[in-house]
N, C-alpha and C. Protein backbone atom coordinates (compact mmCIF):
# COMPACT_ATOMS: atom_id res chain seq x y z
N MET A 1 15.01 5.31 2.63
CA MET A 1 14.68 6.73 3.58
C MET A 1 13.26 6.80 3.63
N GLY A 2 12.32 5.61 3.44
CA GLY A 2 11.35 5.88 4.25
C GLY A 2 10.89 5.66 5.18
N LYS A 3 12.25 4.45 5.45
CA LYS A 3 11.85 3.56 6.74
C LYS A 3 11.98 4.68 8.04
N TYR A 4 12.68 6.09 7.69
CA TYR A 4 12.94 6.91 8.45
C TYR A 4 11.99 7.54 9.14
N ILE A 5 10.56 7.20 8.17
CA ILE A 5 9.29 7.70 8.59
C ILE A 5 8.29 6.76 9.51
N GLU A 6 8.85 6.21 9.08
CA GLU A 6 8.34 5.42 10.56
C GLU A 6 8.69 4.93 11.85
N LEU A 7 10.20 5.47 12.16
CA LEU A 7 10.42 5.55 13.63
C LEU A 7 9.75 6.40 14.08
N THR A 8 9.77 5.66 15.64
CA THR A 8 9.53 5.88 16.96
C THR A 8 10.04 5.51 17.81
N GLY A 9 10.19 6.60 19.39
CA GLY A 9 10.43 6.21 20.62
C GLY A 9 11.90 5.64 20.45
N ALA A 10 12.52 4.35 20.97
CA ALA A 10 13.70 3.97 20.56
C ALA A 10 14.66 4.22 19.04
N ASP A 11 13.62 3.39 17.96
CA ASP A 11 13.93 3.68 16.65
C ASP A 11 14.31 4.84 16.44
N PHE A 12 13.61 5.93 16.61
CA PHE A 12 14.20 6.97 16.41
C PHE A 12 14.71 8.14 17.87
N GLU A 13 15.78 7.29 18.48
CA GLU A 13 16.83 7.66 18.93
C GLU A 13 17.86 7.53 18.98
N ALA A 14 17.89 5.93 18.27
CA ALA A 14 18.74 4.94 17.90
C ALA A 14 19.68 5.80 16.79
N THR A 15 18.35 6.05 15.65
CA THR A 15 18.48 6.41 14.43
C THR A 15 19.62 8.13 14.58
N LEU A 16 18.95 8.96 15.52
CA LEU A 16 19.77 9.47 15.71
C LEU A 16 21.01 9.92 16.25
N SER A 17 21.18 8.48 16.90
CA SER A 17 22.78 8.91 17.93
C SER A 17 23.39 8.28 16.02
N GLU A 18 23.43 7.24 15.47
CA GLU A 18 23.79 6.62 14.06
C GLU A 18 23.71 7.33 12.93
N GLY A 19 23.09 8.62 12.57
CA GLY A 19 22.84 9.28 11.40
C GLY A 19 22.19 11.02 11.78
N VAL A 20 22.66 11.82 12.50
CA VAL A 20 21.88 13.17 12.66
C VAL A 20 21.42 13.78 11.61
N SER A 21 22.08 13.57 9.96
CA SER A 21 21.65 14.34 9.24
C SER A 21 21.00 14.01 8.59
N LEU A 22 20.29 13.07 8.98
CA LEU A 22 18.79 12.03 8.01
C LEU A 22 17.90 12.22 8.95
N VAL A 23 18.07 12.15 10.33
CA VAL A 23 16.51 13.06 11.15
C VAL A 23 16.14 14.08 11.36
N ASP A 24 17.62 14.76 11.07
CA ASP A 24 16.45 16.57 11.26
C ASP A 24 16.55 16.32 9.84
N PHE A 25 17.15 15.58 8.95
CA PHE A 25 16.10 16.19 7.54
C PHE A 25 14.80 16.10 7.56
N TRP A 26 14.18 14.69 8.51
CA TRP A 26 13.13 13.90 8.69
C TRP A 26 11.94 14.47 9.85
N ALA A 27 12.77 15.21 10.91
CA ALA A 27 12.29 15.86 12.06
C ALA A 27 13.14 17.57 11.82
N PRO A 28 12.24 17.70 11.95
CA PRO A 28 12.78 19.63 11.77
C PRO A 28 13.05 19.97 12.65
């Protein structure tokens, strides 16, 4: 799950589409 902390820019939005719950956990 640590990789989500390193996400930036397009990578962050790509993850947002794939796992909103995970992103919401790291990015309140």
